[in-house]
């Protein structure tokens, strides 16, 4: 099969064959689970979570945690 001329479905099928051969069926499934599609709107949610965070505030929090961990 020439991949340049293959359909997306053919490329996906060939890719799964190669993964199964290289990793075995369990390894293939574990690999594919890493690429699960999420849901929601990460950009909007992140803006909401970080709306009150400043660079200076984040730096102070990092220094405080490092100092606490060094004890």
N, C-alpha and C. Protein backbone atom coordinates (compact mmCIF):
# COMPACT_ATOMS: atom_id res chain seq x y z
N UNK A 1 0.84 -1.17 0.00
CA UNK A 1 0.00 0.00 0.00
C UNK A 1 0.89 1.24 0.00
N UNK A 2 0.64 2.15 -0.92
CA UNK A 2 1.36 3.41 -0.96
C UNK A 2 0.63 4.40 -0.05
N UNK A 3 1.30 4.82 1.01
CA UNK A 3 0.63 5.67 2.00
C UNK A 3 0.23 7.03 1.43
N UNK A 4 0.95 7.51 0.43
CA UNK A 4 0.60 8.80 -0.16
C UNK A 4 -0.78 8.76 -0.80
N UNK A 5 -1.19 7.59 -1.26
CA UNK A 5 -2.47 7.44 -1.96
C UNK A 5 -3.54 6.78 -1.08
N UNK A 6 -3.20 6.43 0.14
CA UNK A 6 -4.13 5.71 1.01
C UNK A 6 -5.15 6.66 1.62
N UNK A 7 -6.31 6.14 1.89
CA UNK A 7 -7.35 6.92 2.57
C UNK A 7 -7.02 6.99 4.06
N UNK A 8 -7.62 7.92 4.79
CA UNK A 8 -7.40 7.96 6.24
C UNK A 8 -7.74 6.64 6.92
N UNK A 9 -8.80 5.98 6.47
CA UNK A 9 -9.18 4.70 7.07
C UNK A 9 -8.11 3.64 6.82
N UNK A 10 -7.52 3.63 5.63
CA UNK A 10 -6.46 2.66 5.32
C UNK A 10 -5.21 2.94 6.15
N UNK A 11 -4.87 4.20 6.30
CA UNK A 11 -3.70 4.55 7.12
C UNK A 11 -3.93 4.15 8.57
N UNK A 12 -5.14 4.41 9.08
CA UNK A 12 -5.46 4.04 10.46
C UNK A 12 -5.36 2.52 10.64
N UNK A 13 -5.90 1.77 9.69
CA UNK A 13 -5.85 0.31 9.77
C UNK A 13 -4.40 -0.19 9.76
N UNK A 14 -3.58 0.36 8.88
CA UNK A 14 -2.17 -0.04 8.81
C UNK A 14 -1.44 0.34 10.09
N UNK A 15 -1.74 1.51 10.62
CA UNK A 15 -1.12 1.95 11.87
C UNK A 15 -1.45 1.02 13.03
N UNK A 16 -2.70 0.60 13.12
CA UNK A 16 -3.10 -0.33 14.18
C UNK A 16 -2.41 -1.68 14.02
N UNK A 17 -2.25 -2.12 12.79
CA UNK A 17 -1.54 -3.38 12.54
C UNK A 17 -0.10 -3.28 13.04
N UNK A 18 0.55 -2.19 12.71
CA UNK A 18 1.96 -1.99 13.11
C UNK A 18 2.07 -1.89 14.63
N UNK A 19 1.16 -1.13 15.25
CA UNK A 19 1.17 -1.01 16.71
C UNK A 19 0.97 -2.38 17.38
N UNK A 20 0.00 -3.13 16.90
CA UNK A 20 -0.27 -4.45 17.49
C UNK A 20 0.94 -5.36 17.36
N UNK A 21 1.60 -5.31 16.21
CA UNK A 21 2.77 -6.16 16.00
C UNK A 21 3.93 -5.72 16.90
N UNK A 22 4.13 -4.42 17.03
CA UNK A 22 5.26 -3.92 17.81
C UNK A 22 5.03 -3.99 19.32
N UNK A 23 3.79 -3.73 19.76
CA UNK A 23 3.52 -3.62 21.19
C UNK A 23 2.71 -4.77 21.77
N UNK A 24 2.13 -5.58 20.90
CA UNK A 24 1.19 -6.61 21.36
C UNK A 24 -0.16 -5.96 21.61
N UNK A 25 -1.20 -6.76 21.72
CA UNK A 25 -2.55 -6.18 21.85
C UNK A 25 -2.73 -5.33 23.11
N UNK A 26 -2.20 -5.77 24.23
CA UNK A 26 -2.36 -4.99 25.47
C UNK A 26 -1.57 -3.70 25.39
N UNK A 27 -0.35 -3.76 24.90
CA UNK A 27 0.46 -2.55 24.75
C UNK A 27 -0.19 -1.57 23.79
N UNK A 28 -0.77 -2.08 22.72
CA UNK A 28 -1.44 -1.21 21.75
C UNK A 28 -2.60 -0.47 22.42
N UNK A 29 -3.41 -1.18 23.19
CA UNK A 29 -4.54 -0.55 23.86
C UNK A 29 -4.05 0.49 24.86
N UNK A 30 -3.03 0.17 25.63
CA UNK A 30 -2.50 1.13 26.61
C UNK A 30 -1.96 2.38 25.91
N UNK A 31 -1.31 2.20 24.77
CA UNK A 31 -0.80 3.34 24.01
C UNK A 31 -1.95 4.20 23.51
N UNK A 32 -2.97 3.58 22.94
CA UNK A 32 -4.10 4.33 22.38
C UNK A 32 -4.90 5.05 23.46
N UNK A 33 -4.93 4.53 24.67
CA UNK A 33 -5.67 5.18 25.75
C UNK A 33 -5.06 6.54 26.12
N UNK A 34 -3.81 6.75 25.78
CA UNK A 34 -3.16 8.02 26.09
C UNK A 34 -3.69 9.16 25.25
N UNK A 35 -4.40 8.86 24.17
CA UNK A 35 -4.84 9.87 23.22
C UNK A 35 -6.35 10.05 23.21
N UNK A 36 -6.94 9.88 24.36
CA UNK A 36 -8.39 10.03 24.49
C UNK A 36 -8.77 11.49 24.26
N UNK A 37 -9.84 11.68 23.55
CA UNK A 37 -10.33 13.04 23.31
C UNK A 37 -11.02 13.53 24.58
N UNK A 38 -10.67 14.70 25.01
CA UNK A 38 -11.31 15.26 26.19
C UNK A 38 -12.62 15.94 25.82
N UNK A 39 -13.18 16.60 26.78
CA UNK A 39 -14.40 17.34 26.52
C UNK A 39 -14.31 18.69 27.20
N UNK A 40 -15.17 19.59 26.84
CA UNK A 40 -15.18 20.90 27.45
C UNK A 40 -14.35 21.89 26.65
N UNK A 41 -14.15 23.05 27.24
CA UNK A 41 -13.40 24.13 26.60
C UNK A 41 -12.25 24.50 27.53
N UNK A 42 -11.10 23.90 27.31
CA UNK A 42 -9.96 24.10 28.20
C UNK A 42 -9.55 25.56 28.28
N UNK A 43 -9.53 26.26 27.15
CA UNK A 43 -9.09 27.66 27.14
C UNK A 43 -9.99 28.51 28.03
N UNK A 44 -11.30 28.36 27.86
CA UNK A 44 -12.24 29.14 28.68
C UNK A 44 -12.10 28.77 30.16
N UNK A 45 -12.01 27.47 30.45
CA UNK A 45 -11.91 27.02 31.84
C UNK A 45 -10.61 27.50 32.47
N UNK A 46 -9.52 27.45 31.73
CA UNK A 46 -8.22 27.89 32.25
C UNK A 46 -8.25 29.37 32.57
N UNK A 47 -8.84 30.17 31.71
CA UNK A 47 -8.94 31.60 31.99
C UNK A 47 -9.71 31.84 33.29
N UNK A 48 -10.76 31.06 33.52
CA UNK A 48 -11.55 31.19 34.75
C UNK A 48 -10.73 30.78 35.97
N UNK A 49 -9.99 29.66 35.86
CA UNK A 49 -9.21 29.17 36.99
C UNK A 49 -8.09 30.13 37.36
N UNK A 50 -7.50 30.78 36.35
CA UNK A 50 -6.31 31.60 36.59
C UNK A 50 -6.58 33.09 36.57
N UNK A 51 -7.84 33.51 36.62
CA UNK A 51 -8.14 34.93 36.46
C UNK A 51 -7.50 35.80 37.53
N UNK A 52 -7.29 35.27 38.74
CA UNK A 52 -6.71 36.07 39.82
C UNK A 52 -5.23 35.78 40.04
N UNK A 53 -4.62 34.96 39.19
CA UNK A 53 -3.22 34.60 39.36
C UNK A 53 -2.33 35.58 38.59
N UNK A 54 -1.30 36.08 39.28
CA UNK A 54 -0.31 36.95 38.64
C UNK A 54 1.03 36.24 38.63
N UNK A 55 1.93 36.70 37.80
CA UNK A 55 3.27 36.10 37.76
C UNK A 55 3.95 36.27 39.12
N UNK A 56 3.86 37.46 39.68
CA UNK A 56 4.46 37.71 40.99
C UNK A 56 3.88 36.83 42.07
N UNK A 57 2.57 36.67 42.06
CA UNK A 57 1.91 35.81 43.05
C UNK A 57 2.32 34.36 42.88
N UNK A 58 2.42 33.91 41.66
CA UNK A 58 2.84 32.54 41.40
C UNK A 58 4.28 32.31 41.87
N UNK A 59 5.15 33.28 41.62
CA UNK A 59 6.55 33.16 42.07
C UNK A 59 6.63 33.10 43.59
N UNK A 60 5.85 33.94 44.28
CA UNK A 60 5.85 33.92 45.74
C UNK A 60 5.37 32.56 46.26
N UNK A 61 4.35 32.00 45.63
CA UNK A 61 3.83 30.70 46.05
C UNK A 61 4.87 29.59 45.84
N UNK A 62 5.58 29.65 44.71
CA UNK A 62 6.64 28.66 44.43
C UNK A 62 7.73 28.76 45.48
N UNK A 63 8.19 29.97 45.77
CA UNK A 63 9.25 30.15 46.78
C UNK A 63 8.80 29.65 48.15
N UNK A 64 7.54 29.94 48.50
CA UNK A 64 7.02 29.50 49.79
C UNK A 64 6.99 27.98 49.87
N UNK A 65 6.55 27.33 48.80
CA UNK A 65 6.49 25.86 48.81
C UNK A 65 7.89 25.23 48.82
N UNK A 66 8.83 25.86 48.10
CA UNK A 66 10.21 25.32 48.09
C UNK A 66 10.82 25.44 49.48
N UNK A 67 10.56 26.56 50.14
CA UNK A 67 11.11 26.78 51.47
C UNK A 67 10.52 25.76 52.44
N UNK A 68 9.22 25.51 52.33
CA UNK A 68 8.55 24.54 53.19
C UNK A 68 9.09 23.13 52.94
N UNK A 69 9.32 22.79 51.67
CA UNK A 69 9.81 21.45 51.32
C UNK A 69 11.25 21.24 51.77
N UNK A 70 12.02 22.30 51.88
CA UNK A 70 13.43 22.20 52.28
C UNK A 70 13.58 21.91 53.76
N UNK A 71 12.55 22.12 54.54
CA UNK A 71 12.63 21.91 56.00
C UNK A 71 12.70 20.46 56.35
